Amino acid sequence: SNKRNSLHLGDVAKMGRAPAFGTMVK
């Protein structure tokens, strides 16, 4: 996308937390 990628409050909160993520392995 060429659109501006903006931060919302939820995004900022997410950045401050320990990473909770998933993976798919091949």
mmCIF file of all heavy atoms, coordinates in Angstrom:
data_MODEL
# 
_entry.id   MODEL 
# 
loop_
_atom_site.group_PDB 
_atom_site.id 
_atom_site.type_symbol 
_atom_site.label_atom_id 
_atom_site.label_alt_id 
_atom_site.label_comp_id 
_atom_site.label_asym_id 
_atom_site.label_entity_id 
_atom_site.label_seq_id 
_atom_site.pdbx_PDB_ins_code 
_atom_site.Cartn_x 
_atom_site.Cartn_y 
_atom_site.Cartn_z 
_atom_site.occupancy 
_atom_site.B_iso_or_equiv 
_atom_site.pdbx_formal_charge 
_atom_site.auth_seq_id 
_atom_site.auth_comp_id 
_atom_site.auth_asym_id 
_atom_site.auth_atom_id 
_atom_site.pdbx_PDB_model_num 
ATOM 1   N N   . SER A 1 1  ? 0.829  -1.195  0.000  1.00 0.00 ? 1  SER A N   1 
ATOM 2   C CA  . SER A 1 1  ? 0.000  0.000   0.000  1.00 0.00 ? 1  SER A CA  1 
ATOM 3   C C   . SER A 1 1  ? 0.865  1.247   0.000  1.00 0.00 ? 1  SER A C   1 
ATOM 4   O O   . SER A 1 1  ? 1.913  1.296   0.635  1.00 0.00 ? 1  SER A O   1 
ATOM 5   C CB  . SER A 1 1  ? -0.910 -0.002  1.236  1.00 0.00 ? 1  SER A CB  1 
ATOM 6   O OG  . SER A 1 1  ? -1.525 1.251   1.389  1.00 0.00 ? 1  SER A OG  1 
ATOM 7   N N   . ASN A 1 2  ? 0.395  2.267   -0.709 1.00 0.00 ? 2  ASN A N   1 
ATOM 8   C CA  . ASN A 1 2  ? 1.061  3.562   -0.688 1.00 0.00 ? 2  ASN A CA  1 
ATOM 9   C C   . ASN A 1 2  ? 0.440  4.492   0.334  1.00 0.00 ? 2  ASN A C   1 
ATOM 10  O O   . ASN A 1 2  ? 0.885  5.621   0.513  1.00 0.00 ? 2  ASN A O   1 
ATOM 11  C CB  . ASN A 1 2  ? 0.985  4.204   -2.082 1.00 0.00 ? 2  ASN A CB  1 
ATOM 12  C CG  . ASN A 1 2  ? 1.782  3.419   -3.111 1.00 0.00 ? 2  ASN A CG  1 
ATOM 13  O OD1 . ASN A 1 2  ? 2.869  2.939   -2.803 1.00 0.00 ? 2  ASN A OD1 1 
ATOM 14  N ND2 . ASN A 1 2  ? 1.233  3.292   -4.319 1.00 0.00 ? 2  ASN A ND2 1 
ATOM 15  N N   . LYS A 1 3  ? -0.613 4.016   0.992  1.00 0.00 ? 3  LYS A N   1 
ATOM 16  C CA  . LYS A 1 3  ? -1.280 4.854   1.975  1.00 0.00 ? 3  LYS A CA  1 
ATOM 17  C C   . LYS A 1 3  ? -0.433 4.990   3.233  1.00 0.00 ? 3  LYS A C   1 
ATOM 18  O O   . LYS A 1 3  ? 0.368  4.128   3.570  1.00 0.00 ? 3  LYS A O   1 
ATOM 19  C CB  . LYS A 1 3  ? -2.653 4.269   2.342  1.00 0.00 ? 3  LYS A CB  1 
ATOM 20  C CG  . LYS A 1 3  ? -3.666 4.319   1.209  1.00 0.00 ? 3  LYS A CG  1 
ATOM 21  C CD  . LYS A 1 3  ? -5.039 3.972   1.720  1.00 0.00 ? 3  LYS A CD  1 
ATOM 22  C CE  . LYS A 1 3  ? -6.076 4.095   0.614  1.00 0.00 ? 3  LYS A CE  1 
ATOM 23  N NZ  . LYS A 1 3  ? -7.442 3.817   1.093  1.00 0.00 ? 3  LYS A NZ  1 
ATOM 24  N N   . ARG A 1 4  ? -0.668 6.072   3.936  1.00 0.00 ? 4  ARG A N   1 
ATOM 25  C CA  . ARG A 1 4  ? 0.057  6.298   5.176  1.00 0.00 ? 4  ARG A CA  1 
ATOM 26  C C   . ARG A 1 4  ? -0.317 5.229   6.188  1.00 0.00 ? 4  ARG A C   1 
ATOM 27  O O   . ARG A 1 4  ? -1.486 4.965   6.430  1.00 0.00 ? 4  ARG A O   1 
ATOM 28  C CB  . ARG A 1 4  ? -0.283 7.692   5.720  1.00 0.00 ? 4  ARG A CB  1 
ATOM 29  C CG  . ARG A 1 4  ? 0.490  8.031   6.984  1.00 0.00 ? 4  ARG A CG  1 
ATOM 30  C CD  . ARG A 1 4  ? 0.078  9.405   7.472  1.00 0.00 ? 4  ARG A CD  1 
ATOM 31  N NE  . ARG A 1 4  ? 0.739  9.717   8.734  1.00 0.00 ? 4  ARG A NE  1 
ATOM 32  C CZ  . ARG A 1 4  ? 0.475  10.810  9.437  1.00 0.00 ? 4  ARG A CZ  1 
ATOM 33  N NH1 . ARG A 1 4  ? -0.415 11.680  8.998  1.00 0.00 ? 4  ARG A NH1 1 
ATOM 34  N NH2 . ARG A 1 4  ? 1.102  11.037  10.576 1.00 0.00 ? 4  ARG A NH2 1 
ATOM 35  N N   . ASN A 1 5  ? 0.671  4.623   6.815  1.00 0.00 ? 5  ASN A N   1 
ATOM 36  C CA  . ASN A 1 5  ? 0.450  3.573   7.802  1.00 0.00 ? 5  ASN A CA  1 
ATOM 37  C C   . ASN A 1 5  ? 0.429  4.223   9.175  1.00 0.00 ? 5  ASN A C   1 
ATOM 38  O O   . ASN A 1 5  ? 1.459  4.549   9.740  1.00 0.00 ? 5  ASN A O   1 
ATOM 39  C CB  . ASN A 1 5  ? 1.571  2.534   7.702  1.00 0.00 ? 5  ASN A CB  1 
ATOM 40  C CG  . ASN A 1 5  ? 1.224  1.261   8.430  1.00 0.00 ? 5  ASN A CG  1 
ATOM 41  O OD1 . ASN A 1 5  ? 1.346  1.210   9.637  1.00 0.00 ? 5  ASN A OD1 1 
ATOM 42  N ND2 . ASN A 1 5  ? 0.821  0.252   7.682  1.00 0.00 ? 5  ASN A ND2 1 
ATOM 43  N N   . SER A 1 6  ? -0.753 4.454   9.731  1.00 0.00 ? 6  SER A N   1 
ATOM 44  C CA  . SER A 1 6  ? -0.892 5.257   10.943 1.00 0.00 ? 6  SER A CA  1 
ATOM 45  C C   . SER A 1 6  ? -1.014 4.388   12.181 1.00 0.00 ? 6  SER A C   1 
ATOM 46  O O   . SER A 1 6  ? -1.533 3.278   12.144 1.00 0.00 ? 6  SER A O   1 
ATOM 47  C CB  . SER A 1 6  ? -2.121 6.166   10.828 1.00 0.00 ? 6  SER A CB  1 
ATOM 48  O OG  . SER A 1 6  ? -3.279 5.397   10.565 1.00 0.00 ? 6  SER A OG  1 
ATOM 49  N N   . LEU A 1 7  ? -0.544 4.927   13.299 1.00 0.00 ? 7  LEU A N   1 
ATOM 50  C CA  . LEU A 1 7  ? -0.626 4.237   14.578 1.00 0.00 ? 7  LEU A CA  1 
ATOM 51  C C   . LEU A 1 7  ? -1.897 4.639   15.309 1.00 0.00 ? 7  LEU A C   1 
ATOM 52  O O   . LEU A 1 7  ? -2.237 5.824   15.385 1.00 0.00 ? 7  LEU A O   1 
ATOM 53  C CB  . LEU A 1 7  ? 0.584  4.582   15.452 1.00 0.00 ? 7  LEU A CB  1 
ATOM 54  C CG  . LEU A 1 7  ? 1.916  3.918   15.091 1.00 0.00 ? 7  LEU A CG  1 
ATOM 55  C CD1 . LEU A 1 7  ? 3.017  4.500   15.972 1.00 0.00 ? 7  LEU A CD1 1 
ATOM 56  C CD2 . LEU A 1 7  ? 1.846  2.430   15.285 1.00 0.00 ? 7  LEU A CD2 1 
ATOM 57  N N   . HIS A 1 8  ? -2.607 3.655   15.855 1.00 0.00 ? 8  HIS A N   1 
ATOM 58  C CA  . HIS A 1 8  ? -3.744 3.890   16.722 1.00 0.00 ? 8  HIS A CA  1 
ATOM 59  C C   . HIS A 1 8  ? -3.314 3.583   18.157 1.00 0.00 ? 8  HIS A C   1 
ATOM 60  O O   . HIS A 1 8  ? -2.259 2.997   18.398 1.00 0.00 ? 8  HIS A O   1 
ATOM 61  C CB  . HIS A 1 8  ? -4.916 2.989   16.332 1.00 0.00 ? 8  HIS A CB  1 
ATOM 62  C CG  . HIS A 1 8  ? -5.509 3.345   14.992 1.00 0.00 ? 8  HIS A CG  1 
ATOM 63  N ND1 . HIS A 1 8  ? -6.804 3.053   14.662 1.00 0.00 ? 8  HIS A ND1 1 
ATOM 64  C CD2 . HIS A 1 8  ? -4.973 3.969   13.907 1.00 0.00 ? 8  HIS A CD2 1 
ATOM 65  C CE1 . HIS A 1 8  ? -7.051 3.467   13.424 1.00 0.00 ? 8  HIS A CE1 1 
ATOM 66  N NE2 . HIS A 1 8  ? -5.958 4.015   12.952 1.00 0.00 ? 8  HIS A NE2 1 
ATOM 67  N N   . LEU A 1 9  ? -4.150 3.969   19.120 1.00 0.00 ? 9  LEU A N   1 
ATOM 68  C CA  . LEU A 1 9  ? -3.811 3.707   20.519 1.00 0.00 ? 9  LEU A CA  1 
ATOM 69  C C   . LEU A 1 9  ? -3.582 2.229   20.777 1.00 0.00 ? 9  LEU A C   1 
ATOM 70  O O   . LEU A 1 9  ? -2.693 1.835   21.527 1.00 0.00 ? 9  LEU A O   1 
ATOM 71  C CB  . LEU A 1 9  ? -4.923 4.234   21.434 1.00 0.00 ? 9  LEU A CB  1 
ATOM 72  C CG  . LEU A 1 9  ? -4.987 5.752   21.611 1.00 0.00 ? 9  LEU A CG  1 
ATOM 73  C CD1 . LEU A 1 9  ? -6.205 6.125   22.455 1.00 0.00 ? 9  LEU A CD1 1 
ATOM 74  C CD2 . LEU A 1 9  ? -3.718 6.281   22.269 1.00 0.00 ? 9  LEU A CD2 1 
ATOM 75  N N   . GLY A 1 10 ? -4.401 1.382   20.132 1.00 0.00 ? 10 GLY A N   1 
ATOM 76  C CA  . GLY A 1 10 ? -4.233 -0.062  20.307 1.00 0.00 ? 10 GLY A CA  1 
ATOM 77  C C   . GLY A 1 10 ? -2.906 -0.549  19.776 1.00 0.00 ? 10 GLY A C   1 
ATOM 78  O O   . GLY A 1 10 ? -2.292 -1.468  20.323 1.00 0.00 ? 10 GLY A O   1 
ATOM 79  N N   . ASP A 1 11 ? -2.427 0.076   18.697 1.00 0.00 ? 11 ASP A N   1 
ATOM 80  C CA  . ASP A 1 11 ? -1.139 -0.305  18.138 1.00 0.00 ? 11 ASP A CA  1 
ATOM 81  C C   . ASP A 1 11 ? -0.018 0.026   19.109 1.00 0.00 ? 11 ASP A C   1 
ATOM 82  O O   . ASP A 1 11 ? 0.913  -0.753  19.305 1.00 0.00 ? 11 ASP A O   1 
ATOM 83  C CB  . ASP A 1 11 ? -0.891 0.429   16.817 1.00 0.00 ? 11 ASP A CB  1 
ATOM 84  C CG  . ASP A 1 11 ? -1.978 0.172   15.787 1.00 0.00 ? 11 ASP A CG  1 
ATOM 85  O OD1 . ASP A 1 11 ? -2.546 -0.934  15.809 1.00 0.00 ? 11 ASP A OD1 1 
ATOM 86  O OD2 . ASP A 1 11 ? -2.254 1.069   14.982 1.00 0.00 ? 11 ASP A OD2 1 
ATOM 87  N N   . VAL A 1 12 ? -0.098 1.207   19.712 1.00 0.00 ? 12 VAL A N   1 
ATOM 88  C CA  . VAL A 1 12 ? 0.932  1.636   20.651 1.00 0.00 ? 12 VAL A CA  1 
ATOM 89  C C   . VAL A 1 12 ? 0.963  0.712   21.864 1.00 0.00 ? 12 VAL A C   1 
ATOM 90  O O   . VAL A 1 12 ? 2.022  0.302   22.349 1.00 0.00 ? 12 VAL A O   1 
ATOM 91  C CB  . VAL A 1 12 ? 0.698  3.094   21.084 1.00 0.00 ? 12 VAL A CB  1 
ATOM 92  C CG1 . VAL A 1 12 ? 1.718  3.513   22.135 1.00 0.00 ? 12 VAL A CG1 1 
ATOM 93  C CG2 . VAL A 1 12 ? 0.772  4.025   19.880 1.00 0.00 ? 12 VAL A CG2 1 
ATOM 94  N N   . ALA A 1 13 ? -0.234 0.350   22.368 1.00 0.00 ? 13 ALA A N   1 
ATOM 95  C CA  . ALA A 1 13 ? -0.302 -0.558  23.515 1.00 0.00 ? 13 ALA A CA  1 
ATOM 96  C C   . ALA A 1 13 ? 0.304  -1.904  23.178 1.00 0.00 ? 13 ALA A C   1 
ATOM 97  O O   . ALA A 1 13 ? 1.024  -2.518  23.977 1.00 0.00 ? 13 ALA A O   1 
ATOM 98  C CB  . ALA A 1 13 ? -1.758 -0.718  23.960 1.00 0.00 ? 13 ALA A CB  1 
ATOM 99  N N   . LYS A 1 14 ? 0.028  -2.374  21.969 1.00 0.00 ? 14 LYS A N   1 
ATOM 100 C CA  . LYS A 1 14 ? 0.567  -3.656  21.524 1.00 0.00 ? 14 LYS A CA  1 
ATOM 101 C C   . LYS A 1 14 ? 2.085  -3.619  21.469 1.00 0.00 ? 14 LYS A C   1 
ATOM 102 O O   . LYS A 1 14 ? 2.765  -4.583  21.833 1.00 0.00 ? 14 LYS A O   1 
ATOM 103 C CB  . LYS A 1 14 ? -0.005 -3.989  20.142 1.00 0.00 ? 14 LYS A CB  1 
ATOM 104 C CG  . LYS A 1 14 ? 0.430  -5.321  19.559 1.00 0.00 ? 14 LYS A CG  1 
ATOM 105 C CD  . LYS A 1 14 ? -0.246 -5.537  18.220 1.00 0.00 ? 14 LYS A CD  1 
ATOM 106 C CE  . LYS A 1 14 ? 0.208  -6.834  17.572 1.00 0.00 ? 14 LYS A CE  1 
ATOM 107 N NZ  . LYS A 1 14 ? -0.414 -7.032  16.256 1.00 0.00 ? 14 LYS A NZ  1 
ATOM 108 N N   . MET A 1 15 ? 2.646  -2.502  21.019 1.00 0.00 ? 15 MET A N   1 
ATOM 109 C CA  . MET A 1 15 ? 4.091  -2.377  20.905 1.00 0.00 ? 15 MET A CA  1 
ATOM 110 C C   . MET A 1 15 ? 4.769  -2.408  22.271 1.00 0.00 ? 15 MET A C   1 
ATOM 111 O O   . MET A 1 15 ? 5.916  -2.814  22.407 1.00 0.00 ? 15 MET A O   1 
ATOM 112 C CB  . MET A 1 15 ? 4.439  -1.076  20.179 1.00 0.00 ? 15 MET A CB  1 
ATOM 113 C CG  . MET A 1 15 ? 4.050  -1.073  18.711 1.00 0.00 ? 15 MET A CG  1 
ATOM 114 S SD  . MET A 1 15 ? 4.163  0.560   17.960 1.00 0.00 ? 15 MET A SD  1 
ATOM 115 C CE  . MET A 1 15 ? 5.939  0.828   18.016 1.00 0.00 ? 15 MET A CE  1 
ATOM 116 N N   . GLY A 1 16 ? 4.031  -2.000  23.318 1.00 0.00 ? 16 GLY A N   1 
ATOM 117 C CA  . GLY A 1 16 ? 4.618  -1.955  24.639 1.00 0.00 ? 16 GLY A CA  1 
ATOM 118 C C   . GLY A 1 16 ? 4.562  -3.268  25.394 1.00 0.00 ? 16 GLY A C   1 
ATOM 119 O O   . GLY A 1 16 ? 5.175  -3.407  26.448 1.00 0.00 ? 16 GLY A O   1 
ATOM 120 N N   . ARG A 1 17 ? 3.811  -4.253  24.852 1.00 0.00 ? 17 ARG A N   1 
ATOM 121 C CA  . ARG A 1 17 ? 3.672  -5.531  25.532 1.00 0.00 ? 17 ARG A CA  1 
ATOM 122 C C   . ARG A 1 17 ? 4.738  -6.517  25.073 1.00 0.00 ? 17 ARG A C   1 
ATOM 123 O O   . ARG A 1 17 ? 5.325  -6.373  23.998 1.00 0.00 ? 17 ARG A O   1 
ATOM 124 C CB  . ARG A 1 17 ? 2.291  -6.141  25.247 1.00 0.00 ? 17 ARG A CB  1 
ATOM 125 C CG  . ARG A 1 17 ? 1.126  -5.339  25.799 1.00 0.00 ? 17 ARG A CG  1 
ATOM 126 C CD  . ARG A 1 17 ? -0.140 -6.187  25.784 1.00 0.00 ? 17 ARG A CD  1 
ATOM 127 N NE  . ARG A 1 17 ? -0.518 -6.590  24.451 1.00 0.00 ? 17 ARG A NE  1 
ATOM 128 C CZ  . ARG A 1 17 ? -1.394 -5.936  23.692 1.00 0.00 ? 17 ARG A CZ  1 
ATOM 129 N NH1 . ARG A 1 17 ? -1.943 -4.839  24.126 1.00 0.00 ? 17 ARG A NH1 1 
ATOM 130 N NH2 . ARG A 1 17 ? -1.702 -6.385  22.486 1.00 0.00 ? 17 ARG A NH2 1 
ATOM 131 N N   . ALA A 1 18 ? 4.950  -7.541  25.907 1.00 0.00 ? 18 ALA A N   1 
ATOM 132 C CA  . ALA A 1 18 ? 5.809  -8.644  25.481 1.00 0.00 ? 18 ALA A CA  1 
ATOM 133 C C   . ALA A 1 18 ? 5.154  -9.310  24.273 1.00 0.00 ? 18 ALA A C   1 
ATOM 134 O O   . ALA A 1 18 ? 3.927  -9.376  24.187 1.00 0.00 ? 18 ALA A O   1 
ATOM 135 C CB  . ALA A 1 18 ? 5.985  -9.642  26.615 1.00 0.00 ? 18 ALA A CB  1 
ATOM 136 N N   . PRO A 1 19 ? 5.941  -9.778  23.316 1.00 0.00 ? 19 PRO A N   1 
ATOM 137 C CA  . PRO A 1 19 ? 5.369  -10.284 22.065 1.00 0.00 ? 19 PRO A CA  1 
ATOM 138 C C   . PRO A 1 19 ? 4.575  -11.574 22.234 1.00 0.00 ? 19 PRO A C   1 
ATOM 139 O O   . PRO A 1 19 ? 5.082  -12.565 22.753 1.00 0.00 ? 19 PRO A O   1 
ATOM 140 C CB  . PRO A 1 19 ? 6.595  -10.509 21.179 1.00 0.00 ? 19 PRO A CB  1 
ATOM 141 C CG  . PRO A 1 19 ? 7.725  -10.716 22.138 1.00 0.00 ? 19 PRO A CG  1 
ATOM 142 C CD  . PRO A 1 19 ? 7.409  -9.856  23.319 1.00 0.00 ? 19 PRO A CD  1 
ATOM 143 N N   . ALA A 1 20 ? 3.315  -11.541 21.833 1.00 0.00 ? 20 ALA A N   1 
ATOM 144 C CA  . ALA A 1 20 ? 2.478  -12.745 21.784 1.00 0.00 ? 20 ALA A CA  1 
ATOM 145 C C   . ALA A 1 20 ? 2.174  -12.992 20.314 1.00 0.00 ? 20 ALA A C   1 
ATOM 146 O O   . ALA A 1 20 ? 1.442  -12.237 19.686 1.00 0.00 ? 20 ALA A O   1 
ATOM 147 C CB  . ALA A 1 20 ? 1.195  -12.555 22.579 1.00 0.00 ? 20 ALA A CB  1 
ATOM 148 N N   . PHE A 1 21 ? 2.765  -14.011 19.745 1.00 0.00 ? 21 PHE A N   1 
ATOM 149 C CA  . PHE A 1 21 ? 2.614  -14.255 18.317 1.00 0.00 ? 21 PHE A CA  1 
ATOM 150 C C   . PHE A 1 21 ? 2.514  -15.739 18.040 1.00 0.00 ? 21 PHE A C   1 
ATOM 151 O O   . PHE A 1 21 ? 2.801  -16.580 18.903 1.00 0.00 ? 21 PHE A O   1 
ATOM 152 C CB  . PHE A 1 21 ? 3.791  -13.649 17.537 1.00 0.00 ? 21 PHE A CB  1 
ATOM 153 C CG  . PHE A 1 21 ? 5.144  -14.204 17.926 1.00 0.00 ? 21 PHE A CG  1 
ATOM 154 C CD1 . PHE A 1 21 ? 5.656  -15.334 17.314 1.00 0.00 ? 21 PHE A CD1 1 
ATOM 155 C CD2 . PHE A 1 21 ? 5.908  -13.577 18.905 1.00 0.00 ? 21 PHE A CD2 1 
ATOM 156 C CE1 . PHE A 1 21 ? 6.901  -15.853 17.670 1.00 0.00 ? 21 PHE A CE1 1 
ATOM 157 C CE2 . PHE A 1 21 ? 7.150  -14.082 19.264 1.00 0.00 ? 21 PHE A CE2 1 
ATOM 158 C CZ  . PHE A 1 21 ? 7.644  -15.228 18.659 1.00 0.00 ? 21 PHE A CZ  1 
ATOM 159 N N   . GLY A 1 22 ? 2.091  -16.069 16.849 1.00 0.00 ? 22 GLY A N   1 
ATOM 160 C CA  . GLY A 1 22 ? 2.019  -17.459 16.411 1.00 0.00 ? 22 GLY A CA  1 
ATOM 161 C C   . GLY A 1 22 ? 2.912  -17.670 15.205 1.00 0.00 ? 22 GLY A C   1 
ATOM 162 O O   . GLY A 1 22 ? 3.403  -16.721 14.596 1.00 0.00 ? 22 GLY A O   1 
ATOM 163 N N   . THR A 1 23 ? 3.113  -18.931 14.871 1.00 0.00 ? 23 THR A N   1 
ATOM 164 C CA  . THR A 1 23 ? 3.888  -19.261 13.675 1.00 0.00 ? 23 THR A CA  1 
ATOM 165 C C   . THR A 1 23 ? 3.246  -20.437 12.953 1.00 0.00 ? 23 THR A C   1 
ATOM 166 O O   . THR A 1 23 ? 2.538  -21.243 13.544 1.00 0.00 ? 23 THR A O   1 
ATOM 167 C CB  . THR A 1 23 ? 5.346  -19.643 14.016 1.00 0.00 ? 23 THR A CB  1 
ATOM 168 O OG1 . THR A 1 23 ? 5.349  -20.824 14.822 1.00 0.00 ? 23 THR A OG1 1 
ATOM 169 C CG2 . THR A 1 23 ? 6.077  -18.523 14.716 1.00 0.00 ? 23 THR A CG2 1 
ATOM 170 N N   . MET A 1 24 ? 3.530  -20.506 11.683 1.00 0.00 ? 24 MET A N   1 
ATOM 171 C CA  . MET A 1 24 ? 3.223  -21.674 10.865 1.00 0.00 ? 24 MET A CA  1 
ATOM 172 C C   . MET A 1 24 ? 4.553  -22.135 10.297 1.00 0.00 ? 24 MET A C   1 
ATOM 173 O O   . MET A 1 24 ? 5.305  -21.335 9.740  1.00 0.00 ? 24 MET A O   1 
ATOM 174 C CB  . MET A 1 24 ? 2.255  -21.297 9.740  1.00 0.00 ? 24 MET A CB  1 
ATOM 175 C CG  . MET A 1 24 ? 1.927  -22.430 8.791  1.00 0.00 ? 24 MET A CG  1 
ATOM 176 S SD  . MET A 1 24 ? 0.860  -21.878 7.422  1.00 0.00 ? 24 MET A SD  1 
ATOM 177 C CE  . MET A 1 24 ? -0.688 -21.635 8.288  1.00 0.00 ? 24 MET A CE  1 
ATOM 178 N N   . VAL A 1 25 ? 4.869  -23.411 10.459 1.00 0.00 ? 25 VAL A N   1 
ATOM 179 C CA  . VAL A 1 25 ? 6.186  -23.897 10.041 1.00 0.00 ? 25 VAL A CA  1 
ATOM 180 C C   . VAL A 1 25 ? 6.055  -24.875 8.886  1.00 0.00 ? 25 VAL A C   1 
ATOM 181 O O   . VAL A 1 25 ? 5.135  -25.700 8.847  1.00 0.00 ? 25 VAL A O   1 
ATOM 182 C CB  . VAL A 1 25 ? 6.948  -24.533 11.232 1.00 0.00 ? 25 VAL A CB  1 
ATOM 183 C CG1 . VAL A 1 25 ? 6.189  -25.719 11.813 1.00 0.00 ? 25 VAL A CG1 1 
ATOM 184 C CG2 . VAL A 1 25 ? 8.361  -24.939 10.825 1.00 0.00 ? 25 VAL A CG2 1 
ATOM 185 N N   . LYS A 1 26 ? 6.960  -24.751 7.919  1.00 0.00 ? 26 LYS A N   1 
ATOM 186 C CA  . LYS A 1 26 ? 6.948  -25.559 6.703  1.00 0.00 ? 26 LYS A CA  1 
ATOM 187 C C   . LYS A 1 26 ? 8.191  -26.459 6.690  1.00 0.00 ? 26 LYS A C   1 
ATOM 188 O O   . LYS A 1 26 ? 9.191  -26.122 6.061  1.00 0.00 ? 26 LYS A O   1 
ATOM 189 C CB  . LYS A 1 26 ? 6.971  -24.655 5.473  1.00 0.00 ? 26 LYS A CB  1 
ATOM 190 C CG  . LYS A 1 26 ? 5.930  -23.532 5.492  1.00 0.00 ? 26 LYS A CG  1 
ATOM 191 C CD  . LYS A 1 26 ? 4.647  -23.977 4.890  1.00 0.00 ? 26 LYS A CD  1 
ATOM 192 C CE  . LYS A 1 26 ? 3.680  -22.812 4.705  1.00 0.00 ? 26 LYS A CE  1 
ATOM 193 N NZ  . LYS A 1 26 ? 2.441  -23.204 4.016  1.00 0.00 ? 26 LYS A NZ  1 
# 
